[in-house]
Amino acid sequence: LRIWGNYFKMKRLSIKQFSITLLIIFILYQMISFGYFYKRVLYSINSILFENLKTDSVILKENIEKNIRFADISNIAAFLGTYSATHPLIDKIYLLNESKKPIFSTDRDISNFSLNKRCLNLRKLSADKVLDIDCFYMKVKVYKKLTPYFYYAYIIIDKKYQNSLFKTHLLNYIVIFIISNIFFGIFLIFVINKFIITPLEQLRQYAYYSNKPLQSFLINEFESIRYSLKNTFHRLKSEQYKLYELSTKDPLTKLLNRNSLIKEVDRIILESNRLKQNFTFLFMDIDDFKLINDTYGHDFGDKVLISISKKLKNSVRKSDIVARFGGDEFVIILLGASKPFQIKKIIEKIQKNMKIPIKKDEASLTPTFSIGIAFYPKDGKDFHELLKNADIAMYKAKNSGKNIYHFFSLKDENKLLEKIKIEQLIKKALKENNFKLYYQPQVDIKTNKIVGCEALIRLIDPIEGLIPPDKFIPVAEETNQIIQIGRWVFQESIRQIKEWEKSRLRGIKVSVNISALELNDEILFQYIKNSMKVIDAKNLCIELTESVFIDYTENNIEKINLGISLALDDFGTGYSSLSYVKNLPFNYLKIDKSFIDDILKDPQDKIFIKVIIDMAKTMKLKTIAEGVETKEQRDILKEFGCDIYQGYLSSKPLPAKDFENFFLEWNKES
C-alpha cells in the first residue's frame, strides 16, 4: 500500500478515477481469484484421482498378469470383483481378449460393454485428463509357454463418485474464496477509509480549526481542496494581521491609532489605580502643518509625519506610549512622570530632536509642536477628560505663540467654556435672528450735518441679554461663523439702504466692516455685486482693516471695485499703512480711536494726527476720526482739517428707527 501510494504521489487521481480503479481491481480480483481457486480445485481432484488410478492400475495389472491363465480368468474374478467393489472411483472392470471381445465383467454382464465411451490408454493418461474421460485401459501380456497373449483391461470410472468428489472440493474452495473476498473487502474498506473518509474528515477538521497543515493527498479533488484551504487560510491569516494592524496601528506612522490609544489608556488607568501611580498626558499638534502640505505637497507631508513619529519614539522611554491621534495630532503617555521638571526635561528633548531638519530637494524643514499637558488623576480621571483638558492646554499654547507647551489649568477650561457658550449663542442668533444692526452717525465737521453712519452689529440674546462685539466677533472669526454673520450684515445693510433711499435719508452713506475671512467669500461678493442693481453704489462704503491685507492679492481688491467707497479702518495701528494707501483705491482714512483719546494729553498723538490728515489731503482722501467724545477733540480735528467725525459726542450707536429720528432732528437743528 505504501509503495502504491508513493507510486501515485506524482500523479493525482480524481474521486471518479479512484473509485473506478478500485472497482476494476475488485472485479479483476474476483475473476482472478475465482479462476485460481477453480483451477486449484480441478488440479487437486485430478492429481488425487490420477495418483490413485496410477497406483491402483499398477497393482491391478500385476495381479491380472500373475493370476490369469490363457482363456481362464476364474483365478482373478474374485479379485477383480472385490477390487471394483472396494475402490470408490471404479465402477466396473472389463477384460477383453486379444480381439477386444469382452470375456469378463465385474457386474457379470459383458453385454453392457461399449467402446463408444471416452477411453484413454493408461500410458497416455495424465492428471489434467482424468476428469475428461469415462474410462481408461491397459494392455496385459500373458505367456503361454513362450507364446505371448494380450488381454485388455478396461476400467470404467464411477462418474457419480467423481462428481461428488469434485463438488466437495469445490465447496471447500468456495468457502476459502468467500473468506478471501471478505478479507479483500476489509482491505477495500481500509483503502476507502484511508484515501476517502479519513481525508474528508481531515479536511473538515482543517476547515474548522486549521491548527496545523495537512500532508498532501492521493486523491486529486482532496489535494485541490487542501491546497485551496491552505492558500485561503494563509491569505486570511495575512489579511487578519493586516486588519489587526489597521485596527490598532496608524497605517502611515505605525504608531498606535486612536482606538488602541483609548484602550491602552484605560488599561494604564486601572494599573495606576492599583499601584497608586500617576502619569502624564501630552497632547501635541504640529504647528502650521496645513501650510506644509499646501507648500510642499501631501507626499512630503506624509514624510514629515513619519519622521516626526520616529523622533517622538526616540525622545521617550520604551515604557512610554506614543500614538498618532489623527491628522497632525499626537499623544504621548509618560508613565510615572508627574512632576513639572520631569515633563520639561522630556519636552526639551523632543524639541531638540525636532530641530534636526527634514529635507526635500534643496529645502529643509524643522517642524514645531504646540503641546498641552494634563496630569492623571488631577486633571482627569478617564481618557476623554484627560484628552479634553490636554486639548484646552494645547490651544492655549498655540494661541500663545506656538512651539511652546502649556499645563492645563481651570482658568483655561473656564475660558474655553465661555468660548463654547458664545459659539452656541452665535448659532442660536443666526437661527433665531437675534442679531441687530445699530448705526452710529458720521458728522461733517464743517457743516455739522450727518452725512453717513457706520453699521455696527449687536447680539441680543433673549436670556443672556446684550453680548458685546469684542466678545463674540473673535469667537466668530475663530470658528468661521464670521462668514454667515458677514452675509447677514450686508443683507441687512443693503436692505436698510434700499429703504432709506425711498425716504428723507436717501443720500446717507452706510459703512460696513469686512474681515479677512469675508474677503474670500465669493457668495458674499456676488450678493454685493447683484445688490448694486437695486441701490446706489455711492451709498455703500466698505471698511477694511490692515489685517485684511496679510493675504492681499489684486484679485481681492478687484472684487470690491464696484463703484463702492472704500475706507481704511484703524489707520496708523499697523506696520505698512502708507503702502496700502498708495497702492489701493481708498476713499477714506479712519483715524483710530486710540490716537483721539490722547489728543489733548500727548503732543506726539496730536502731531501724528496732523500728519495723517495732511497726507490724506495730499492724496485727495477724506479723513474720518473715530471715538470723538468731547468738543475739544472735535475742535482740534476741525483745526487740522479733518473731514468727518463719529463718536459719543454726536451719538452712541442707535437702532435703525432711533437713528432715523435722530438724523432728522439733528440735521433740522443744524
Foldseek 3Di string as FASTA:
>chain_A
DVVVLVVLPVPAAAPVRVVVVVVVVLVVCLVVLVVVLLVVLLLVLLVVVLVVCVVVVVVVLVVCQVQDDVVRRPRCLVVQLVVQVPDQFFPKKFKAWQVRQTDDISVRDSVPDDPPFFEAENVPDDSNCPLVGQWYKYWHWYDDPNDITIMMMITGTDVVSSVVSSVVSSVVSVVVSVVVSVVVVVVVVVVCCVQPVVLVVVLVCCLVPVPDQDDAGRHPVSNVSSVVSVVVVVVVVVVVVVVVQVQAADVLQRAGEQVNVQVVQVVVLVVCVVVVAKKKKKKKAWPPLVVVCVPVNVVVSSVVVNLLSVLLCVLADPPKGWYAHDDRMIMIIGTRDDDPVVVVVSLVSSQVSLQPWDDDDPDTDRIAIQMFMEMPPVQHSHDVSRVVQRVLQSVVSVVVPGNYYGYGDVVSVVVVVLLVVLVVLLVVCLVVVQKAWFWFFKAFLVVRAGQATETDIWGQDPPPGTDDCVRNVVSCVVVVVVQVVLLVSVVVVLVLQLVCCVDPNVRYAYEYEDELSNLPVPVSLVVVLVSVVRHPLANYEYEYEPVNCPVDDPVSLVSVPNSHAYEYECPPPDDPRVVCLVPHPHQEYEHDQVLLVCCVPDVVSLVVLLVVCVVCVVVNHAYEYEADQDVVSSVSCVVSPHTIYTHPNLHDTGGPVVVVVSNVVSNVVD
